[in-house]
Amino acid sequence: MTTEDLASHMTTFEEPISTEYKGYKVWEVPPNGQGITTLIALNILEGMDLKGMGHNSAEYIHNIAETLKISFADTTWFCSDMSQVEVPISQLLSKEYAAKRRGLIKNDR
């Protein structure tokens, strides 16, 4: 990084992205930040009965770990500079997409 790089830097202000989670609106910075990981994870977790699994039970930890694994995989695949690549944010944050991703989680493995 050079002095010229710093001098030519242009700050941008991006519109935040959000999802609804159990009645709360959660906001994050859009890609190329990783805030979308949190939003995808919350959408997947919303369809689970975490309380019924028992806090810190094997099933609870397994479902959270698998949800985060899926969320980070999606972020790794889709997260990029939105001025260069179209990121399908509305699709990634849809409840339908979350249901499909949730279906990948198996409690027997």
PDB file of N, CA and C in Angstrom:
ATOM      1  N   MET A   1       0.860  -1.164   0.000  1.00  0.00           N
ATOM      2  CA  MET A   1       0.000   0.000   0.000  1.00  0.00           C
ATOM      3  C   MET A   1       0.911   1.232   0.000  1.00  0.00           C
ATOM      4  N   THR A   2       0.571   2.142  -0.872  1.00  0.00           N
ATOM      5  CA  THR A   2       1.397   3.347  -0.998  1.00  0.00           C
ATOM      6  C   THR A   2       0.627   4.575  -0.524  1.00  0.00           C
ATOM      7  N   THR A   3       1.349   5.673  -0.393  1.00  0.00           N
ATOM      8  CA  THR A   3       0.723   6.949  -0.035  1.00  0.00           C
ATOM      9  C   THR A   3      -0.291   7.344  -1.106  1.00  0.00           C
ATOM     10  N   GLU A   4       0.024   7.055  -2.360  1.00  0.00           N
ATOM     11  CA  GLU A   4      -0.899   7.361  -3.459  1.00  0.00           C
ATOM     12  C   GLU A   4      -2.187   6.541  -3.342  1.00  0.00           C
ATOM     13  N   ASP A   5      -2.045   5.289  -2.939  1.00  0.00           N
ATOM     14  CA  ASP A   5      -3.233   4.445  -2.732  1.00  0.00           C
ATOM     15  C   ASP A   5      -4.150   5.081  -1.699  1.00  0.00           C
ATOM     16  N   LEU A   6      -3.579   5.510  -0.605  1.00  0.00           N
ATOM     17  CA  LEU A   6      -4.375   6.134   0.449  1.00  0.00           C
ATOM     18  C   LEU A   6      -4.990   7.441  -0.013  1.00  0.00           C
ATOM     19  N   ALA A   7      -4.232   8.225  -0.764  1.00  0.00           N
ATOM     20  CA  ALA A   7      -4.729   9.526  -1.244  1.00  0.00           C
ATOM     21  C   ALA A   7      -5.877   9.356  -2.234  1.00  0.00           C
ATOM     22  N   SER A   8      -5.871   8.263  -2.997  1.00  0.00           N
ATOM     23  CA  SER A   8      -6.913   8.071  -4.012  1.00  0.00           C
ATOM     24  C   SER A   8      -8.105   7.265  -3.502  1.00  0.00           C
ATOM     25  N   HIS A   9      -8.065   6.864  -2.248  1.00  0.00           N
ATOM     26  CA  HIS A   9      -9.165   6.063  -1.686  1.00  0.00           C
ATOM     27  C   HIS A   9     -10.469   6.866  -1.677  1.00  0.00           C
ATOM     28  N   MET A  10     -11.552   6.201  -2.064  1.00  0.00           N
ATOM     29  CA  MET A  10     -12.880   6.820  -2.040  1.00  0.00           C
ATOM     30  C   MET A  10     -13.762   6.001  -1.100  1.00  0.00           C
ATOM     31  N   THR A  11     -14.220   6.635  -0.025  1.00  0.00           N
ATOM     32  CA  THR A  11     -15.101   5.964   0.916  1.00  0.00           C
ATOM     33  C   THR A  11     -16.501   5.885   0.335  1.00  0.00           C
ATOM     34  N   THR A  12     -17.138   4.734   0.510  1.00  0.00           N
ATOM     35  CA  THR A  12     -18.522   4.587   0.062  1.00  0.00           C
ATOM     36  C   THR A  12     -19.392   4.264   1.274  1.00  0.00           C
ATOM     37  N   PHE A  13     -20.635   4.625   1.199  1.00  0.00           N
ATOM     38  CA  PHE A  13     -21.592   4.335   2.246  1.00  0.00           C
ATOM     39  C   PHE A  13     -22.672   3.455   1.639  1.00  0.00           C
ATOM     40  N   GLU A  14     -22.694   2.208   2.069  1.00  0.00           N
ATOM     41  CA  GLU A  14     -23.609   1.221   1.507  1.00  0.00           C
ATOM     42  C   GLU A  14     -24.880   1.136   2.343  1.00  0.00           C
ATOM     43  N   GLU A  15     -25.974   0.790   1.684  1.00  0.00           N
ATOM     44  CA  GLU A  15     -27.235   0.561   2.384  1.00  0.00           C
ATOM     45  C   GLU A  15     -27.131  -0.738   3.166  1.00  0.00           C
ATOM     46  N   PRO A  16     -27.512  -0.728   4.432  1.00  0.00           N
ATOM     47  CA  PRO A  16     -27.447  -1.968   5.201  1.00  0.00           C
ATOM     48  C   PRO A  16     -28.477  -2.982   4.703  1.00  0.00           C
ATOM     49  N   ILE A  17     -28.230  -4.242   5.000  1.00  0.00           N
ATOM     50  CA  ILE A  17     -29.168  -5.312   4.668  1.00  0.00           C
ATOM     51  C   ILE A  17     -29.731  -5.841   5.983  1.00  0.00           C
ATOM     52  N   SER A  18     -30.880  -6.506   5.911  1.00  0.00           N
ATOM     53  CA  SER A  18     -31.501  -6.956   7.155  1.00  0.00           C
ATOM     54  C   SER A  18     -32.353  -8.199   6.926  1.00  0.00           C
ATOM     55  N   THR A  19     -32.706  -8.807   8.042  1.00  0.00           N
ATOM     56  CA  THR A  19     -33.685  -9.886   8.055  1.00  0.00           C
ATOM     57  C   THR A  19     -34.498  -9.760   9.334  1.00  0.00           C
ATOM     58  N   GLU A  20     -35.637 -10.406   9.334  1.00  0.00           N
ATOM     59  CA  GLU A  20     -36.472 -10.481  10.540  1.00  0.00           C
ATOM     60  C   GLU A  20     -36.166 -11.800  11.229  1.00  0.00           C
ATOM     61  N   TYR A  21     -35.913 -11.726  12.532  1.00  0.00           N
ATOM     62  CA  TYR A  21     -35.677 -12.940  13.314  1.00  0.00           C
ATOM     63  C   TYR A  21     -36.548 -12.881  14.555  1.00  0.00           C
ATOM     64  N   LYS A  22     -37.581 -13.723  14.563  1.00  0.00           N
ATOM     65  CA  LYS A  22     -38.491 -13.835  15.707  1.00  0.00           C
ATOM     66  C   LYS A  22     -38.973 -12.467  16.196  1.00  0.00           C
ATOM     67  N   GLY A  23     -39.399 -11.636  15.246  1.00  0.00           N
ATOM     68  CA  GLY A  23     -39.972 -10.340  15.580  1.00  0.00           C
ATOM     69  C   GLY A  23     -38.972  -9.204  15.694  1.00  0.00           C
ATOM     70  N   TYR A  24     -37.698  -9.492  15.537  1.00  0.00           N
ATOM     71  CA  TYR A  24     -36.666  -8.457  15.599  1.00  0.00           C
ATOM     72  C   TYR A  24     -36.071  -8.240  14.218  1.00  0.00           C
ATOM     73  N   LYS A  25     -35.828  -7.000  13.867  1.00  0.00           N
ATOM     74  CA  LYS A  25     -35.151  -6.697  12.608  1.00  0.00           C
ATOM     75  C   LYS A  25     -33.660  -6.594  12.915  1.00  0.00           C
ATOM     76  N   VAL A  26     -32.864  -7.401  12.247  1.00  0.00           N
ATOM     77  CA  VAL A  26     -31.416  -7.438  12.465  1.00  0.00           C
ATOM     78  C   VAL A  26     -30.749  -6.868  11.218  1.00  0.00           C
ATOM     79  N   TRP A  27     -29.883  -5.883  11.415  1.00  0.00           N
ATOM     80  CA  TRP A  27     -29.216  -5.176  10.315  1.00  0.00           C
ATOM     81  C   TRP A  27     -27.732  -5.532  10.268  1.00  0.00           C
ATOM     82  N   GLU A  28     -27.199  -5.581   9.071  1.00  0.00           N
ATOM     83  CA  GLU A  28     -25.771  -5.854   8.871  1.00  0.00           C
ATOM     84  C   GLU A  28     -25.267  -5.047   7.675  1.00  0.00           C
ATOM     85  N   VAL A  29     -23.962  -4.976   7.575  1.00  0.00           N
ATOM     86  CA  VAL A  29     -23.306  -4.353   6.428  1.00  0.00           C
ATOM     87  C   VAL A  29     -23.397  -5.349   5.268  1.00  0.00           C
ATOM     88  N   PRO A  30     -23.682  -4.871   4.061  1.00  0.00           N
ATOM     89  CA  PRO A  30     -23.802  -5.804   2.930  1.00  0.00           C
ATOM     90  C   PRO A  30     -22.439  -6.331   2.480  1.00  0.00           C
ATOM     91  N   PRO A  31     -22.463  -7.357   1.627  1.00  0.00           N
ATOM     92  CA  PRO A  31     -21.204  -7.807   1.055  1.00  0.00           C
ATOM     93  C   PRO A  31     -20.527  -6.625   0.347  1.00  0.00           C
ATOM     94  N   ASN A  32     -19.282  -6.486   0.496  1.00  0.00           N
ATOM     95  CA  ASN A  32     -18.306  -7.513   0.665  1.00  0.00           C
ATOM     96  C   ASN A  32     -17.957  -7.791   2.131  1.00  0.00           C
ATOM     97  N   GLY A  33     -18.727  -7.253   3.052  1.00  0.00           N
ATOM     98  CA  GLY A  33     -18.581  -7.611   4.460  1.00  0.00           C
ATOM     99  C   GLY A  33     -19.238  -8.948   4.732  1.00  0.00           C
ATOM    100  N   GLN A  34     -18.913  -9.543   5.871  1.00  0.00           N
ATOM    101  CA  GLN A  34     -19.431 -10.869   6.187  1.00  0.00           C
ATOM    102  C   GLN A  34     -20.684 -10.839   7.055  1.00  0.00           C
ATOM    103  N   GLY A  35     -21.294  -9.677   7.205  1.00  0.00           N
ATOM    104  CA  GLY A  35     -22.515  -9.589   7.997  1.00  0.00           C
ATOM    105  C   GLY A  35     -23.632 -10.459   7.472  1.00  0.00           C
ATOM    106  N   ILE A  36     -23.615 -10.735   6.185  1.00  0.00           N
ATOM    107  CA  ILE A  36     -24.659 -11.577   5.603  1.00  0.00           C
ATOM    108  C   ILE A  36     -24.618 -12.989   6.196  1.00  0.00           C
ATOM    109  N   THR A  37     -23.457 -13.411   6.690  1.00  0.00           N
ATOM    110  CA  THR A  37     -23.336 -14.720   7.334  1.00  0.00           C
ATOM    111  C   THR A  37     -24.286 -14.817   8.520  1.00  0.00           C
ATOM    112  N   THR A  38     -24.304 -13.774   9.335  1.00  0.00           N
ATOM    113  CA  THR A  38     -25.182 -13.732  10.508  1.00  0.00           C
ATOM    114  C   THR A  38     -26.640 -13.799  10.095  1.00  0.00           C
ATOM    115  N   LEU A  39     -26.998 -13.033   9.069  1.00  0.00           N
ATOM    116  CA  LEU A  39     -28.395 -12.986   8.638  1.00  0.00           C
ATOM    117  C   LEU A  39     -28.859 -14.320   8.068  1.00  0.00           C
ATOM    118  N   ILE A  40     -28.013 -14.960   7.275  1.00  0.00           N
ATOM    119  CA  ILE A  40     -28.353 -16.283   6.737  1.00  0.00           C
ATOM    120  C   ILE A  40     -28.523 -17.271   7.890  1.00  0.00           C
ATOM    121  N   ALA A  41     -27.602 -17.234   8.843  1.00  0.00           N
ATOM    122  CA  ALA A  41     -27.671 -18.149   9.989  1.00  0.00           C
ATOM    123  C   ALA A  41     -28.948 -17.934  10.797  1.00  0.00           C
ATOM    124  N   LEU A  42     -29.293 -16.683  11.050  1.00  0.00           N
ATOM    125  CA  LEU A  42     -30.517 -16.414  11.811  1.00  0.00           C
ATOM    126  C   LEU A  42     -31.744 -16.938  11.087  1.00  0.00           C
ATOM    127  N   ASN A  43     -31.781 -16.786   9.768  1.00  0.00           N
ATOM    128  CA  ASN A  43     -32.921 -17.298   8.997  1.00  0.00           C
ATOM    129  C   ASN A  43     -33.017 -18.816   9.101  1.00  0.00           C
ATOM    130  N   ILE A  44     -31.879 -19.492   9.064  1.00  0.00           N
ATOM    131  CA  ILE A  44     -31.892 -20.956   9.187  1.00  0.00           C
ATOM    132  C   ILE A  44     -32.325 -21.359  10.599  1.00  0.00           C
ATOM    133  N   LEU A  45     -31.748 -20.714  11.605  1.00  0.00           N
ATOM    134  CA  LEU A  45     -32.050 -21.056  12.998  1.00  0.00           C
ATOM    135  C   LEU A  45     -33.489 -20.756  13.382  1.00  0.00           C
ATOM    136  N   GLU A  46     -34.092 -19.771  12.731  1.00  0.00           N
ATOM    137  CA  GLU A  46     -35.461 -19.375  13.073  1.00  0.00           C
ATOM    138  C   GLU A  46     -36.445 -20.536  12.933  1.00  0.00           C
ATOM    139  N   GLY A  47     -36.172 -21.444  12.037  1.00  0.00           N
ATOM    140  CA  GLY A  47     -37.060 -22.585  11.826  1.00  0.00           C
ATOM    141  C   GLY A  47     -36.783 -23.764  12.738  1.00  0.00           C
ATOM    142  N   MET A  48     -35.923 -23.591  13.709  1.00  0.00           N
ATOM    143  CA  MET A  48     -35.576 -24.676  14.637  1.00  0.00           C
ATOM    144  C   MET A  48     -36.102 -24.368  16.032  1.00  0.00           C
ATOM    145  N   ASP A  49     -36.377 -25.420  16.771  1.00  0.00           N
ATOM    146  CA  ASP A  49     -36.796 -25.269  18.161  1.00  0.00           C
ATOM    147  C   ASP A  49     -35.562 -25.428  19.052  1.00  0.00           C
ATOM    148  N   LEU A  50     -34.745 -24.384  19.102  1.00  0.00           N
ATOM    149  CA  LEU A  50     -33.513 -24.447  19.885  1.00  0.00           C
ATOM    150  C   LEU A  50     -33.795 -24.661  21.363  1.00  0.00           C
ATOM    151  N   LYS A  51     -34.822 -23.995  21.861  1.00  0.00           N
ATOM    152  CA  LYS A  51     -35.177 -24.146  23.280  1.00  0.00           C
ATOM    153  C   LYS A  51     -35.526 -25.598  23.590  1.00  0.00           C
ATOM    154  N   GLY A  52     -36.284 -26.218  22.701  1.00  0.00           N
ATOM    155  CA  GLY A  52     -36.696 -27.604  22.892  1.00  0.00           C
ATOM    156  C   GLY A  52     -35.537 -28.590  22.832  1.00  0.00           C
ATOM    157  N   MET A  53     -34.452 -28.194  22.178  1.00  0.00           N
ATOM    158  CA  MET A  53     -33.274 -29.069  22.096  1.00  0.00           C
ATOM    159  C   MET A  53     -32.506 -29.094  23.415  1.00  0.00           C
ATOM    160  N   GLY A  54     -32.698 -28.054  24.213  1.00  0.00           N
ATOM    161  CA  GLY A  54     -31.955 -27.956  25.468  1.00  0.00           C
ATOM    162  C   GLY A  54     -30.638 -27.235  25.258  1.00  0.00           C
ATOM    163  N   HIS A  55     -30.455 -26.158  25.986  1.00  0.00           N
ATOM    164  CA  HIS A  55     -29.250 -25.337  25.842  1.00  0.00           C
ATOM    165  C   HIS A  55     -27.983 -26.180  26.025  1.00  0.00           C
ATOM    166  N   ASN A  56     -27.101 -26.073  25.042  1.00  0.00           N
ATOM    167  CA  ASN A  56     -25.806 -26.755  25.028  1.00  0.00           C
ATOM    168  C   ASN A  56     -25.887 -28.280  24.959  1.00  0.00           C
ATOM    169  N   SER A  57     -27.056 -28.808  24.607  1.00  0.00           N
ATOM    170  CA  SER A  57     -27.138 -30.250  24.367  1.00  0.00           C
ATOM    171  C   SER A  57     -26.376 -30.565  23.079  1.00  0.00           C
ATOM    172  N   ALA A  58     -26.096 -31.824  22.847  1.00  0.00           N
ATOM    173  CA  ALA A  58     -25.396 -32.232  21.625  1.00  0.00           C
ATOM    174  C   ALA A  58     -26.192 -31.802  20.389  1.00  0.00           C
ATOM    175  N   GLU A  59     -27.515 -31.983  20.427  1.00  0.00           N
ATOM    176  CA  GLU A  59     -28.362 -31.609  19.287  1.00  0.00           C
ATOM    177  C   GLU A  59     -28.318 -30.095  19.049  1.00  0.00           C
ATOM    178  N   TYR A  60     -28.389 -29.336  20.108  1.00  0.00           N
ATOM    179  CA  TYR A  60     -28.343 -27.861  20.039  1.00  0.00           C
ATOM    180  C   TYR A  60     -27.029 -27.392  19.410  1.00  0.00           C
ATOM    181  N   ILE A  61     -25.926 -27.880  19.940  1.00  0.00           N
ATOM    182  CA  ILE A  61     -24.610 -27.470  19.430  1.00  0.00           C
ATOM    183  C   ILE A  61     -24.425 -27.938  17.996  1.00  0.00           C
ATOM    184  N   HIS A  62     -24.857 -29.144  17.692  1.00  0.00           N
ATOM    185  CA  HIS A  62     -24.760 -29.669  16.332  1.00  0.00           C
ATOM    186  C   HIS A  62     -25.512 -28.771  15.344  1.00  0.00           C
ATOM    187  N   ASN A  63     -26.745 -28.407  15.684  1.00  0.00           N
ATOM    188  CA  ASN A  63     -27.553 -27.585  14.775  1.00  0.00           C
ATOM    189  C   ASN A  63     -26.965 -26.189  14.596  1.00  0.00           C
ATOM    190  N   ILE A  64     -26.452 -25.601  15.641  1.00  0.00           N
ATOM    191  CA  ILE A  64     -25.820 -24.286  15.507  1.00  0.00           C
ATOM    192  C   ILE A  64     -24.542 -24.391  14.676  1.00  0.00           C
ATOM    193  N   ALA A  65     -23.725 -25.406  14.943  1.00  0.00           N
ATOM    194  CA  ALA A  65     -22.484 -25.578  14.185  1.00  0.00           C
ATOM    195  C   ALA A  65     -22.765 -25.810  12.700  1.00  0.00           C
ATOM    196  N   GLU A  66     -23.737 -26.667  12.401  1.00  0.00           N
ATOM    197  CA  GLU A  66     -24.076 -26.934  11.002  1.00  0.00           C
ATOM    198  C   GLU A  66     -24.652 -25.694  10.322  1.00  0.00           C
ATOM    199  N   THR A  67     -25.460 -24.937  11.053  1.00  0.00           N
ATOM    200  CA  THR A  67     -26.017 -23.691  10.512  1.00  0.00           C
ATOM    201  C   THR A  67     -24.904 -22.717  10.174  1.00  0.00           C
ATOM    202  N   LEU A  68     -23.945 -22.567  11.063  1.00  0.00           N
ATOM    203  CA  LEU A  68     -22.827 -21.651  10.799  1.00  0.00           C
ATOM    204  C   LEU A  68     -21.971 -22.150   9.649  1.00  0.00           C
ATOM    205  N   LYS A  69     -21.777 -23.461   9.558  1.00  0.00           N
ATOM    206  CA  LYS A  69     -21.003 -24.030   8.450  1.00  0.00           C
ATOM    207  C   LYS A  69     -21.662 -23.690   7.113  1.00  0.00           C
ATOM    208  N   ILE A  70     -22.966 -23.864   7.037  1.00  0.00           N
ATOM    209  CA  ILE A  70     -23.713 -23.548   5.811  1.00  0.00           C
ATOM    210  C   ILE A  70     -23.654 -22.052   5.520  1.00  0.00           C
ATOM    211  N   SER A  71     -23.837 -21.243   6.542  1.00  0.00           N
ATOM    212  CA  SER A  71     -23.836 -19.788   6.364  1.00  0.00           C
ATOM    213  C   SER A  71     -22.485 -19.276   5.871  1.00  0.00           C
ATOM    214  N   PHE A  72     -21.412 -19.788   6.460  1.00  0.00           N
ATOM    215  CA  PHE A  72     -20.077 -19.384   6.013  1.00  0.00           C
ATOM    216  C   PHE A  72     -19.781 -19.902   4.611  1.00  0.00           C
ATOM    217  N   ALA A  73     -20.277 -21.081   4.262  1.00  0.00           N
ATOM    218  CA  ALA A  73     -20.086 -21.600   2.904  1.00  0.00           C
ATOM    219  C   ALA A  73     -20.769 -20.687   1.892  1.00  0.00           C
ATOM    220  N   ASP A  74     -21.995 -20.263   2.207  1.00  0.00           N
ATOM    221  CA  ASP A  74     -22.705 -19.348   1.304  1.00  0.00           C
ATOM    222  C   ASP A  74     -21.962 -18.019   1.183  1.00  0.00           C
ATOM    223  N   THR A  75     -21.476 -17.518   2.304  1.00  0.00           N
ATOM    224  CA  THR A  75     -20.744 -16.256   2.274  1.00  0.00           C
ATOM    225  C   THR A  75     -19.473 -16.392   1.458  1.00  0.00           C
ATOM    226  N   THR A  76     -18.757 -17.484   1.638  1.00  0.00           N
ATOM    227  CA  THR A  76     -17.523 -17.699   0.878  1.00  0.00           C
ATOM    228  C   THR A  76     -17.816 -17.744  -0.615  1.00  0.00           C
ATOM    229  N   TRP A  77     -18.917 -18.359  -0.978  1.00  0.00           N
ATOM    230  CA  TRP A  77     -19.264 -18.501  -2.393  1.00  0.00           C
ATOM    231  C   TRP A  77     -19.759 -17.178  -2.988  1.00  0.00           C
ATOM    232  N   PHE A  78     -20.604 -16.444  -2.250  1.00  0.00           N
ATOM    233  CA  PHE A  78     -21.291 -15.291  -2.827  1.00  0.00           C
ATOM    234  C   PHE A  78     -20.712 -13.934  -2.440  1.00  0.00           C
ATOM    235  N   CYS A  79     -19.981 -13.845  -1.356  1.00  0.00           N
ATOM    236  CA  CYS A  79     -19.525 -12.550  -0.868  1.00  0.00           C
ATOM    237  C   CYS A  79     -18.440 -11.982  -1.789  1.00  0.00           C
ATOM    238  N   SER A  80     -18.686 -10.785  -2.300  1.00  0.00           N
ATOM    239  CA  SER A  80     -17.711 -10.145  -3.179  1.00  0.00           C
ATOM    240  C   SER A  80     -18.022  -8.655  -3.261  1.00  0.00           C
ATOM    241  N   ASP A  81     -17.218  -7.958  -4.005  1.00  0.00           N
ATOM    242  CA  ASP A  81     -17.405  -6.524  -4.204  1.00  0.00           C
ATOM    243  C   ASP A  81     -18.630  -6.320  -5.090  1.00  0.00           C
ATOM    244  N   MET A  82     -19.688  -5.765  -4.511  1.00  0.00           N
ATOM    245  CA  MET A  82     -20.949  -5.630  -5.251  1.00  0.00           C
ATOM    246  C   MET A  82     -20.867  -4.619  -6.391  1.00  0.00           C
ATOM    247  N   SER A  83     -19.810  -3.833  -6.441  1.00  0.00           N
ATOM    248  CA  SER A  83     -19.647  -2.947  -7.597  1.00  0.00           C
ATOM    249  C   SER A  83     -19.093  -3.722  -8.792  1.00  0.00           C
ATOM    250  N   GLN A  84     -18.621  -4.938  -8.549  1.00  0.00           N
ATOM    251  CA  GLN A  84     -18.037  -5.761  -9.601  1.00  0.00           C
ATOM    252  C   GLN A  84     -18.864  -6.999  -9.939  1.00  0.00           C
ATOM    253  N   VAL A  85     -19.604  -7.507  -8.949  1.00  0.00           N
ATOM    254  CA  VAL A  85     -20.347  -8.760  -9.109  1.00  0.00           C
ATOM    255  C   VAL A  85     -21.734  -8.585  -8.509  1.00  0.00           C
ATOM    256  N   GLU A  86     -22.721  -9.154  -9.172  1.00  0.00           N
ATOM    257  CA  GLU A  86     -24.081  -9.109  -8.627  1.00  0.00           C
ATOM    258  C   GLU A  86     -24.229 -10.200  -7.565  1.00  0.00           C
ATOM    259  N   VAL A  87     -24.524  -9.788  -6.347  1.00  0.00           N
ATOM    260  CA  VAL A  87     -24.722 -10.722  -5.239  1.00  0.00           C
ATOM    261  C   VAL A  87     -26.229 -10.857  -5.015  1.00  0.00           C
ATOM    262  N   PRO A  88     -26.784 -12.067  -5.063  1.00  0.00           N
ATOM    263  CA  PRO A  88     -28.234 -12.255  -4.947  1.00  0.00           C
ATOM    264  C   PRO A  88     -28.730 -12.152  -3.489  1.00  0.00           C
ATOM    265  N   ILE A  89     -28.605 -10.962  -2.917  1.00  0.00           N
ATOM    266  CA  ILE A  89     -28.909 -10.760  -1.500  1.00  0.00           C
ATOM    267  C   ILE A  89     -30.338 -11.153  -1.153  1.00  0.00           C
ATOM    268  N   SER A  90     -31.304 -10.711  -1.943  1.00  0.00           N
ATOM    269  CA  SER A  90     -32.699 -11.022  -1.603  1.00  0.00           C
ATOM    270  C   SER A  90     -32.948 -12.526  -1.619  1.00  0.00           C
ATOM    271  N   GLN A  91     -32.329 -13.248  -2.535  1.00  0.00           N
ATOM    272  CA  GLN A  91     -32.462 -14.704  -2.570  1.00  0.00           C
ATOM    273  C   GLN A  91     -31.808 -15.328  -1.344  1.00  0.00           C
ATOM    274  N   LEU A  92     -30.593 -14.896  -1.025  1.00  0.00           N
ATOM    275  CA  LEU A  92     -29.861 -15.460   0.111  1.00  0.00           C
ATOM    276  C   LEU A  92     -30.562 -15.205   1.435  1.00  0.00           C
ATOM    277  N   LEU A  93     -31.297 -14.104   1.524  1.00  0.00           N
ATOM    278  CA  LEU A  93     -31.977 -13.751   2.769  1.00  0.00           C
ATOM    279  C   LEU A  93     -33.453 -14.143   2.787  1.00  0.00           C
ATOM    280  N   SER A  94     -33.899 -14.865   1.776  1.00  0.00           N
ATOM    281  CA  SER A  94     -35.303 -15.271   1.759  1.00  0.00           C
ATOM    282  C   SER A  94     -35.535 -16.426   2.725  1.00  0.00           C
ATOM    283  N   LYS A  95     -36.714 -16.471   3.270  1.00  0.00           N
ATOM    284  CA  LYS A  95     -37.087 -17.547   4.195  1.00  0.00           C
ATOM    285  C   LYS A  95     -37.149 -18.882   3.464  1.00  0.00           C
ATOM    286  N   GLU A  96     -37.493 -18.863   2.172  1.00  0.00           N
ATOM    287  CA  GLU A  96     -37.537 -20.090   1.366  1.00  0.00           C
ATOM    288  C   GLU A  96     -36.128 -20.676   1.212  1.00  0.00           C
ATOM    289  N   TYR A  97     -35.167 -19.807   0.952  1.00  0.00           N
ATOM    290  CA  TYR A  97     -33.775 -20.261   0.820  1.00  0.00           C
ATOM    291  C   TYR A  97     -33.298 -20.859   2.155  1.00  0.00           C
ATOM    292  N   ALA A  98     -33.644 -20.191   3.252  1.00  0.00           N
ATOM    293  CA  ALA A  98     -33.256 -20.687   4.583  1.00  0.00           C
ATOM    294  C   ALA A  98     -33.842 -22.080   4.827  1.00  0.00           C
ATOM    295  N   ALA A  99     -35.075 -22.289   4.420  1.00  0.00           N
ATOM    296  CA  ALA A  99     -35.713 -23.604   4.613  1.00  0.00           C
ATOM    297  C   ALA A  99     -34.969 -24.681   3.824  1.00  0.00           C
ATOM    298  N   LYS A 100     -34.555 -24.368   2.604  1.00  0.00           N
ATOM    299  CA  LYS A 100     -33.792 -25.332   1.798  1.00  0.00           C
ATOM    300  C   LYS A 100     -32.454 -25.646   2.459  1.00  0.00           C
ATOM    301  N   ARG A 101     -31.790 -24.614   2.933  1.00  0.00           N
ATOM    302  CA  ARG A 101     -30.489 -24.804   3.567  1.00  0.00           C
ATOM    303  C   ARG A 101     -30.639 -25.573   4.886  1.00  0.00           C
ATOM    304  N   ARG A 102     -31.705 -25.279   5.619  1.00  0.00           N
ATOM    305  CA  ARG A 102     -31.985 -25.985   6.877  1.00  0.00           C
ATOM    306  C   ARG A 102     -32.181 -27.484   6.613  1.00  0.00           C
ATOM    307  N   GLY A 103     -32.762 -27.812   5.476  1.00  0.00           N
ATOM    308  CA  GLY A 103     -32.984 -29.210   5.115  1.00  0.00           C
ATOM    309  C   GLY A 103     -31.713 -30.010   4.925  1.00  0.00           C
ATOM    310  N   LEU A 104     -30.586 -29.339   4.790  1.00  0.00           N
ATOM    311  CA  LEU A 104     -29.310 -30.032   4.650  1.00  0.00           C
ATOM    312  C   LEU A 104     -28.765 -30.541   5.981  1.00  0.00           C
ATOM    313  N   ILE A 105     -29.307 -30.033   7.076  1.00  0.00           N
ATOM    314  CA  ILE A 105     -28.802 -30.394   8.402  1.00  0.00           C
ATOM    315  C   ILE A 105     -29.456 -31.707   8.847  1.00  0.00           C
ATOM    316  N   LYS A 106     -28.630 -32.661   9.138  1.00  0.00           N
ATOM    317  CA  LYS A 106     -29.094 -33.985   9.576  1.00  0.00           C
ATOM    318  C   LYS A 106     -28.600 -34.218  10.998  1.00  0.00           C
ATOM    319  N   ASN A 107     -29.522 -34.592  11.866  1.00  0.00           N
ATOM    320  CA  ASN A 107     -29.155 -34.819  13.267  1.00  0.00           C
ATOM    321  C   ASN A 107     -28.560 -36.196  13.537  1.00  0.00           C
ATOM    322  N   ASP A 108     -28.557 -37.065  12.516  1.00  0.00           N
ATOM    323  CA  ASP A 108     -28.007 -38.405  12.715  1.00  0.00           C
ATOM    324  C   ASP A 108     -26.568 -38.530  12.208  1.00  0.00           C
ATOM    325  N   ARG A 109     -25.974 -37.415  11.832  1.00  0.00           N
ATOM    326  CA  ARG A 109     -24.568 -37.439  11.409  1.00  0.00           C
ATOM    327  C   ARG A 109     -23.892 -36.138  11.684  1.00  0.00           C
TER     328      ARG A 109
END
